[in-house]
């Protein structure tokens, strides 16, 4: 007797958004008469991090940046399973929700004290996520370590290797990285001086208008443990989201400077290290 193949999970994303004073952002859905965290389904082809930020904006009117990831929720939704990825979230700019326009999907948005939120939340899995969030709710900043996107093969390039460009597939990877970097509110862009690294961050620089800072000390030819440590130490001290784009042979020095174990990355992939007081408190990995 054969069984029908299981359908893929419905994918969704959201955030546990907190603010100073021990409050968390909740939404009320009149259709279900429930209280929950802002969340929603991924659009076709949308990266899960971008979906989390977009859904919070749509359901609350607030722009956020993502913090450390929380455990995903997975539960039955009709005849399928649903997986919801969550992150801690912090508001960028004004966090006033009093002007939110109620609608058929979300008719109330409220900042709620943690203790009250535990009672107000309608579902056990949300209460468990809230309990988890209390362990990581202190403010962090993202330090993104990005390996450059797919480039022309070294064996087919006869010129200076510093000038080796991205392939078309690499350019698409660089474009797909834009919403992911934006989800973490990356505002400082540092890269190897090699063309393929600069091209990997160029789409994000173009969209945001941010300056792209290039360093010979992050290049495959000129990087050393000391040059990488000097650059990383300077960036760790900044109070903003940072991305460093470099090469596979240089990555171990970057991770070492951050006090992390080495992570092997494919071209165009990234590790997001969440820093608090200069120390890595959480990490996650994404492809683009």
Protein backbone atom coordinates (compact mmCIF):
# COMPACT_ATOMS: atom_id res chain seq x y z
CA UNK A 1 0.00 0.00 0.00
CA UNK A 2 1.56 3.28 -1.06
CA UNK A 3 1.27 6.49 0.85
CA UNK A 4 0.93 9.93 -0.65
CA UNK A 5 4.14 11.96 -0.56
CA UNK A 6 4.20 14.60 2.14
CA UNK A 7 3.88 18.16 0.98
CA UNK A 8 6.69 20.66 1.69
CA UNK A 9 6.27 22.85 4.75
CA UNK A 10 4.57 26.19 4.48
CA UNK A 11 7.38 28.66 5.15
CA UNK A 12 6.95 31.82 7.20
CA UNK A 13 9.13 34.27 9.11
CA UNK A 14 8.77 36.88 11.82
CA UNK A 15 10.46 38.53 14.77
CA UNK A 16 10.22 38.93 18.51
CA UNK A 17 10.65 42.70 18.57
CA UNK A 18 11.66 44.21 21.91
CA UNK A 19 12.45 47.65 23.27
CA UNK A 20 14.00 49.18 26.35
CA UNK A 21 11.85 48.70 29.42
CA UNK A 22 11.18 45.01 28.92
CA UNK A 23 8.41 45.24 26.35
CA UNK A 24 7.64 43.05 23.35
CA UNK A 25 5.63 43.84 20.22
CA UNK A 26 2.45 41.78 19.69
CA UNK A 27 -0.33 41.86 17.11
CA UNK A 28 -4.01 40.88 17.27
CA UNK A 29 -5.66 39.11 14.34
CA UNK A 30 -9.44 39.58 14.32
CA UNK A 31 -10.00 36.61 12.00
CA UNK A 32 -8.68 34.24 14.64
CA UNK A 33 -9.13 36.50 17.67
CA UNK A 34 -5.57 35.70 18.75
CA UNK A 35 -2.45 37.51 19.91
CA UNK A 36 0.89 36.57 18.36
CA UNK A 37 4.19 37.88 17.11
CA UNK A 38 4.22 39.66 13.72
CA UNK A 39 4.95 37.06 11.06
CA UNK A 40 3.85 35.90 7.62
CA UNK A 41 4.50 33.63 4.65
CA UNK A 42 7.48 34.02 2.34
CA UNK A 43 6.84 35.41 -1.11
CA UNK A 44 8.05 33.24 -3.99
CA UNK A 45 11.86 33.43 -4.18
CA UNK A 46 12.09 35.65 -1.10
CA UNK A 47 14.92 35.09 1.38
CA UNK A 48 13.65 34.14 4.82
CA UNK A 49 15.44 37.06 6.51
CA UNK A 50 13.89 39.58 4.14
CA UNK A 51 10.46 38.03 4.74
CA UNK A 52 10.80 38.46 8.49
CA UNK A 53 11.61 42.17 8.17
CA UNK A 54 8.91 42.75 5.54
CA UNK A 55 6.18 41.03 7.54
CA UNK A 56 6.92 43.07 10.66
CA UNK A 57 6.73 46.27 8.60
CA UNK A 58 3.46 45.23 6.97
CA UNK A 59 1.78 44.10 10.20
CA UNK A 60 3.00 46.85 12.55
CA UNK A 61 4.23 49.78 10.44
CA UNK A 62 7.68 49.55 12.05
CA UNK A 63 11.05 49.05 10.36
CA UNK A 64 13.32 46.62 12.19
CA UNK A 65 16.72 45.00 11.99
CA UNK A 66 17.26 41.38 12.87
CA UNK A 67 19.22 40.24 15.88
CA UNK A 68 20.13 36.70 16.98
CA UNK A 69 18.05 33.85 15.55
CA UNK A 70 15.60 31.91 17.69
CA UNK A 71 14.56 28.29 17.28
CA UNK A 72 12.13 27.79 14.42
CA UNK A 73 8.56 26.81 15.22
CA UNK A 74 7.03 23.84 13.37
CA UNK A 75 3.41 22.84 13.73
CA UNK A 76 0.43 21.53 11.80
CA UNK A 77 -1.45 24.01 9.63
CA UNK A 78 -4.40 22.25 8.03
CA UNK A 79 -3.14 19.23 6.08
CA UNK A 80 0.44 20.56 5.94
CA UNK A 81 3.17 21.46 8.37
CA UNK A 82 4.26 25.05 8.85
CA UNK A 83 7.78 26.21 9.72
CA UNK A 84 8.21 29.73 11.08
CA UNK A 85 11.70 31.20 11.46
CA UNK A 86 12.09 33.85 14.14
CA UNK A 87 14.76 36.34 15.10
CA UNK A 88 15.08 38.90 17.83
CA UNK A 89 14.24 42.29 16.35
CA UNK A 90 15.01 45.93 17.14
CA UNK A 91 13.16 48.92 15.72
CA UNK A 92 15.05 51.31 13.44
CA UNK A 93 13.75 54.82 14.10
CA UNK A 94 10.41 55.62 15.74
CA UNK A 95 8.77 52.76 17.67
CA UNK A 96 5.40 54.47 18.21
CA UNK A 97 2.50 52.22 17.13
CA UNK A 98 -0.33 54.54 18.20
CA UNK A 99 -0.85 55.70 14.61
CA UNK A 100 -1.16 52.19 13.20
CA UNK A 101 -4.24 51.92 10.96
CA UNK A 102 -6.31 48.89 11.98
CA UNK A 103 -7.41 46.59 9.14
CA UNK A 104 -9.05 43.22 8.52
CA UNK A 105 -5.77 41.33 8.99
CA UNK A 106 -4.31 43.14 12.04
CA UNK A 107 -6.64 45.30 14.10
CA UNK A 108 -4.34 46.02 17.07
CA UNK A 109 -0.59 46.42 17.58
CA UNK A 110 0.75 46.84 21.10
CA UNK A 111 3.93 47.05 23.14
CA UNK A 112 3.32 44.65 26.02
CA UNK A 113 5.42 44.00 29.18
CA UNK A 114 7.04 40.55 29.04
CA UNK A 115 5.05 39.15 31.97
CA UNK A 116 1.77 40.31 30.46
CA UNK A 117 2.76 39.02 27.02
CA UNK A 118 3.24 35.52 28.42
CA UNK A 119 -0.42 35.51 29.48
CA UNK A 120 -1.71 37.33 26.41
CA UNK A 121 -0.10 35.14 23.73
CA UNK A 122 -2.64 32.64 22.42
CA UNK A 123 -0.42 29.65 21.56
CA UNK A 124 1.99 27.49 23.59
CA UNK A 125 4.67 27.61 20.89
CA UNK A 126 4.65 31.43 20.99
CA UNK A 127 5.01 31.38 24.77
CA UNK A 128 7.97 29.03 24.39
CA UNK A 129 9.57 31.38 21.84
CA UNK A 130 9.04 34.30 24.23
CA UNK A 131 10.76 32.35 27.04
CA UNK A 132 13.69 31.64 24.72
CA UNK A 133 13.90 35.32 23.74
CA UNK A 134 14.50 36.42 27.33
CA UNK A 135 17.91 34.74 27.17
CA UNK A 136 19.08 36.77 24.14
CA UNK A 137 17.10 40.00 24.22
CA UNK A 138 20.02 42.30 25.01
CA UNK A 139 20.97 44.54 22.10
CA UNK A 140 23.49 43.20 19.58
CA UNK A 141 25.02 44.32 16.30
CA UNK A 142 25.64 42.19 13.19
CA UNK A 143 29.13 41.51 11.84
CA UNK A 144 28.67 39.78 8.47
CA UNK A 145 31.54 37.75 6.99
CA UNK A 146 30.89 37.28 3.27
CA UNK A 147 32.83 35.19 0.77
CA UNK A 148 32.83 36.83 -2.65
CA UNK A 149 30.33 35.50 -5.18
CA UNK A 150 31.13 33.15 -8.05
CA UNK A 151 33.96 34.53 -10.17
CA UNK A 152 35.65 33.55 -13.42
CA UNK A 153 37.87 30.52 -13.02
CA UNK A 154 41.44 31.35 -12.15
CA UNK A 155 42.77 28.98 -14.82
CA UNK A 156 40.98 30.89 -17.60
CA UNK A 157 42.12 34.35 -16.47
CA UNK A 158 45.39 35.61 -17.95
CA UNK A 159 45.47 39.08 -16.37
CA UNK A 160 46.19 40.28 -12.84
CA UNK A 161 44.13 38.04 -10.57
CA UNK A 162 43.03 41.11 -8.58
CA UNK A 163 41.00 42.10 -11.68
CA UNK A 164 39.21 38.76 -12.09
CA UNK A 165 35.47 39.58 -12.29
CA UNK A 166 32.30 37.83 -11.22
CA UNK A 167 30.43 35.48 -13.49
CA UNK A 168 26.81 36.24 -14.36
CA UNK A 169 25.80 33.73 -11.69
CA UNK A 170 27.99 35.63 -9.22
CA UNK A 171 26.33 38.92 -10.14
CA UNK A 172 22.95 37.34 -9.38
CA UNK A 173 24.30 36.14 -6.03
CA UNK A 174 25.47 39.66 -5.26
CA UNK A 175 22.01 41.02 -6.05
CA UNK A 176 20.34 38.40 -3.85
CA UNK A 177 22.59 39.42 -0.95
CA UNK A 178 21.08 42.93 -0.90
CA UNK A 179 17.90 42.16 1.09
CA UNK A 180 19.79 39.87 3.45
CA UNK A 181 22.33 42.54 4.38
CA UNK A 182 19.51 45.08 4.68
CA UNK A 183 17.68 42.79 7.12
CA UNK A 184 20.58 43.22 9.55
CA UNK A 185 20.83 46.97 8.95
CA UNK A 186 24.38 46.74 7.61
CA UNK A 187 25.69 50.28 7.21
CA UNK A 188 29.45 49.75 7.02
CA UNK A 189 30.88 48.01 3.92
CA UNK A 190 34.49 46.79 3.94
CA UNK A 191 35.97 44.59 1.25
CA UNK A 192 39.12 43.23 -0.27
CA UNK A 193 40.52 45.53 -2.95
CA UNK A 194 40.13 42.71 -5.52
CA UNK A 195 37.47 43.37 -8.15
CA UNK A 196 35.41 40.23 -7.45
CA UNK A 197 34.93 41.26 -3.82
CA UNK A 198 34.06 44.84 -4.71
CA UNK A 199 31.54 43.60 -7.29
CA UNK A 200 29.95 41.34 -4.65
CA UNK A 201 29.09 44.34 -2.47
CA UNK A 202 28.47 46.82 -5.31
CA UNK A 203 24.70 46.15 -5.61
CA UNK A 204 24.18 46.79 -1.90
CA UNK A 205 26.30 49.94 -2.06
CA UNK A 206 24.30 51.15 -5.08
CA UNK A 207 20.93 50.54 -3.43
CA UNK A 208 21.86 52.09 -0.08
CA UNK A 209 24.22 54.84 -1.25
CA UNK A 210 26.76 53.64 1.32
CA UNK A 211 30.49 54.01 0.78
CA UNK A 212 32.44 50.90 -0.17
CA UNK A 213 35.78 50.77 1.65
CA UNK A 214 38.43 48.53 0.06
CA UNK A 215 41.54 47.15 1.75
CA UNK A 216 44.65 45.51 0.33
CA UNK A 217 44.93 43.94 3.78
CA UNK A 218 41.87 41.80 3.02
CA UNK A 219 43.05 40.70 -0.45
CA UNK A 220 44.27 37.22 -1.23
CA UNK A 221 47.66 38.56 -2.30
CA UNK A 222 48.38 40.99 0.55
CA UNK A 223 46.40 39.83 3.59
CA UNK A 224 48.24 38.69 6.71
CA UNK A 225 47.01 37.64 10.12
CA UNK A 226 48.05 41.03 11.49
CA UNK A 227 46.42 43.08 8.72
CA UNK A 228 43.14 41.20 9.09
CA UNK A 229 43.21 41.51 12.88
CA UNK A 230 43.81 45.24 12.63
CA UNK A 231 40.85 45.75 10.27
CA UNK A 232 38.47 43.46 12.18
CA UNK A 233 39.34 45.00 15.56
CA UNK A 234 38.53 48.46 14.21
CA UNK A 235 35.19 47.28 12.83
CA UNK A 236 34.20 45.41 16.00
CA UNK A 237 34.49 48.67 17.93
CA UNK A 238 31.93 50.41 15.69
CA UNK A 239 28.34 50.71 16.85
CA UNK A 240 26.81 49.69 13.51
CA UNK A 241 26.13 46.69 11.33
CA UNK A 242 29.23 45.65 9.36
CA UNK A 243 29.98 43.43 6.38
CA UNK A 244 33.46 42.21 5.42
CA UNK A 245 33.81 40.62 1.97
CA UNK A 246 36.94 38.62 1.29
CA UNK A 247 38.41 35.41 -0.14
CA UNK A 248 38.37 31.77 0.97
CA UNK A 249 42.06 31.74 2.01
CA UNK A 250 41.54 34.90 4.11
CA UNK A 251 38.39 33.75 5.88
CA UNK A 252 40.17 31.74 8.61
CA UNK A 253 42.02 34.90 9.70
CA UNK A 254 38.74 36.85 9.84
CA UNK A 255 37.06 34.19 11.98
CA UNK A 256 40.12 33.96 14.20
CA UNK A 257 40.09 37.73 14.71
CA UNK A 258 36.44 37.44 15.80
CA UNK A 259 37.30 34.66 18.22
CA UNK A 260 35.29 32.13 16.20
CA UNK A 261 35.99 28.67 14.85
CA UNK A 262 36.50 28.59 11.09
CA UNK A 263 33.36 28.23 8.97
CA UNK A 264 33.67 26.93 5.42
CA UNK A 265 31.67 29.07 3.03
CA UNK A 266 30.70 28.51 -0.57
CA UNK A 267 31.01 31.49 -2.96
CA UNK A 268 28.37 34.09 -2.13
CA UNK A 269 27.59 32.62 1.30
CA UNK A 270 27.88 34.50 4.59
CA UNK A 271 28.10 34.08 8.33
CA UNK A 272 26.28 36.62 10.49
CA UNK A 273 28.02 37.01 13.85
CA UNK A 274 25.95 38.85 16.45
CA UNK A 275 28.18 40.95 18.70
CA UNK A 276 27.52 42.31 22.15
CA UNK A 277 30.27 44.37 23.78
CA UNK A 278 32.70 43.12 21.15
CA UNK A 279 31.98 39.42 21.78
CA UNK A 280 30.20 36.96 19.50
CA UNK A 281 27.03 35.79 21.26
CA UNK A 282 25.31 34.04 18.34
CA UNK A 283 25.97 33.10 14.71
CA UNK A 284 23.98 32.03 11.67
CA UNK A 285 24.82 31.08 8.11
CA UNK A 286 23.07 32.05 4.89
CA UNK A 287 23.53 31.38 1.20
CA UNK A 288 22.46 33.78 -1.53
